[in-house]
Amino acid sequence: MVVARFDRLEDTYLQLKPPGNKAMKNHTALDATDGSTSDQQYTDWEREIIECVADDLGISFSEAAGVAEAQPFCLAQSWGAGLSAQQTAEKLIRD
C-alpha cells in the first residue's frame, strides 16, 4: 500500500537525520519555519544541485540532471549529512 510505503520512507528519513545537526535545519519539516514541507525543500535543494553541476561543467540543465540522477546514493548521503547544494554538486562531479 502507498501509506505503508510512505511510512517506511519516513522512518528511513528520520533515521538519516542526525539529531541536533544545525546544517539540517533547512532540510526538515519539523524545523521549517516557512510552512513548506521537507519534500518541497528537498526538491529545491536538488534543483540547486543540478544548476550548480550545469554551471560547473558548462552543460545543459537536462544533462546535469542526468549526472545527478545517476548517483542517488551520493544525493541521499549528502542530504543526510546536511551538505549544501554546491558541496553536493562538487561531490557529484568529483565522484
Protein backbone atom coordinates (compact mmCIF):
# COMPACT_ATOMS: atom_id res chain seq x y z
CA MET A 1 0.00 0.00 0.00
CA VAL A 2 1.05 3.56 -0.63
CA VAL A 3 0.53 4.58 3.01
CA ALA A 4 2.71 1.75 4.29
CA ARG A 5 5.44 2.63 1.80
CA PHE A 6 5.33 6.28 2.85
CA ASP A 7 5.64 5.26 6.50
CA ARG A 8 8.75 3.21 5.70
CA LEU A 9 10.26 6.09 3.73
CA GLU A 10 9.51 8.49 6.57
CA ASP A 11 11.14 6.10 9.06
CA THR A 12 14.21 5.87 6.82
CA TYR A 13 14.34 9.66 6.52
CA LEU A 14 14.13 10.10 10.28
CA GLN A 15 16.95 7.60 10.75
CA LEU A 16 19.12 9.58 8.31
CA LYS A 17 18.51 12.86 10.15
CA PRO A 18 21.33 13.42 12.61
CA PRO A 19 19.98 14.81 15.90
CA GLY A 20 20.94 18.37 16.68
CA ASN A 21 22.71 18.98 13.36
CA LYS A 22 22.17 22.66 12.61
CA ALA A 23 23.11 22.13 8.97
CA MET A 24 19.94 20.07 8.63
CA LYS A 25 17.68 22.93 9.73
CA ASN A 26 16.57 23.76 6.19
CA HIS A 27 16.06 20.11 5.36
CA THR A 28 13.44 19.03 7.89
CA ALA A 29 9.74 19.69 8.01
CA LEU A 30 9.94 19.79 11.81
CA ASP A 31 12.38 22.70 11.73
CA ALA A 32 10.85 24.57 8.80
CA THR A 33 9.51 27.98 9.73
CA ASP A 34 8.20 28.93 6.30
CA GLY A 35 5.42 26.34 6.22
CA SER A 36 6.99 24.30 3.42
CA THR A 37 7.36 20.55 3.59
CA SER A 38 10.61 18.65 3.53
CA ASP A 39 9.62 17.27 0.09
CA GLN A 40 9.47 20.81 -1.28
CA GLN A 41 12.76 21.68 0.36
CA TYR A 42 14.42 18.53 -0.99
CA THR A 43 13.18 19.34 -4.49
CA ASP A 44 14.53 22.89 -4.25
CA TRP A 45 17.86 21.59 -2.91
CA GLU A 46 18.08 19.03 -5.72
CA ARG A 47 17.30 21.70 -8.33
CA GLU A 48 20.08 23.90 -6.95
CA ILE A 49 22.48 20.96 -7.20
CA ILE A 50 21.57 20.41 -10.85
CA GLU A 51 22.06 24.12 -11.58
CA CYS A 52 25.49 24.04 -9.87
CA VAL A 53 26.54 20.95 -11.84
CA ALA A 54 25.38 22.56 -15.09
CA ASP A 55 27.29 25.76 -14.33
CA ASP A 56 30.45 24.00 -13.15
CA LEU A 57 30.62 21.64 -16.13
CA GLY A 58 29.18 24.04 -18.72
CA ILE A 59 26.41 21.62 -19.71
CA SER A 60 22.65 21.90 -20.09
CA PHE A 61 20.26 21.53 -17.18
CA SER A 62 18.92 18.23 -18.57
CA GLU A 63 22.44 16.79 -18.90
CA ALA A 64 23.25 17.90 -15.36
CA ALA A 65 20.02 16.28 -14.16
CA GLY A 66 21.26 13.04 -15.68
CA VAL A 67 24.54 13.36 -13.78
CA ALA A 68 22.66 13.87 -10.50
CA GLU A 69 20.11 11.12 -11.13
CA ALA A 70 22.88 8.64 -11.92
CA GLN A 71 24.16 8.94 -8.34
CA PRO A 72 21.16 8.58 -6.00
CA PHE A 73 23.26 7.19 -3.14
CA CYS A 74 25.52 10.25 -3.21
CA LEU A 75 22.44 12.51 -3.08
CA ALA A 76 20.98 10.57 -0.16
CA GLN A 77 24.27 10.75 1.76
CA SER A 78 24.63 14.47 1.11
CA TRP A 79 21.04 15.18 2.16
CA GLY A 80 21.52 13.19 5.35
CA ALA A 81 24.78 14.97 6.10
CA GLY A 82 23.21 18.39 5.55
CA LEU A 83 25.56 19.37 2.72
CA SER A 84 24.76 22.47 0.70
CA ALA A 85 23.80 22.24 -2.95
CA GLN A 86 27.25 23.48 -4.01
CA GLN A 87 29.05 20.96 -1.78
CA THR A 88 26.88 18.17 -3.16
CA ALA A 89 27.45 19.29 -6.75
CA GLU A 90 31.21 19.24 -6.18
CA LYS A 91 30.90 15.75 -4.69
CA LEU A 92 28.86 14.53 -7.68
CA ILE A 93 31.42 15.90 -10.12
CA ARG A 94 34.35 14.53 -8.15
CA ASP A 95 32.85 11.04 -7.80
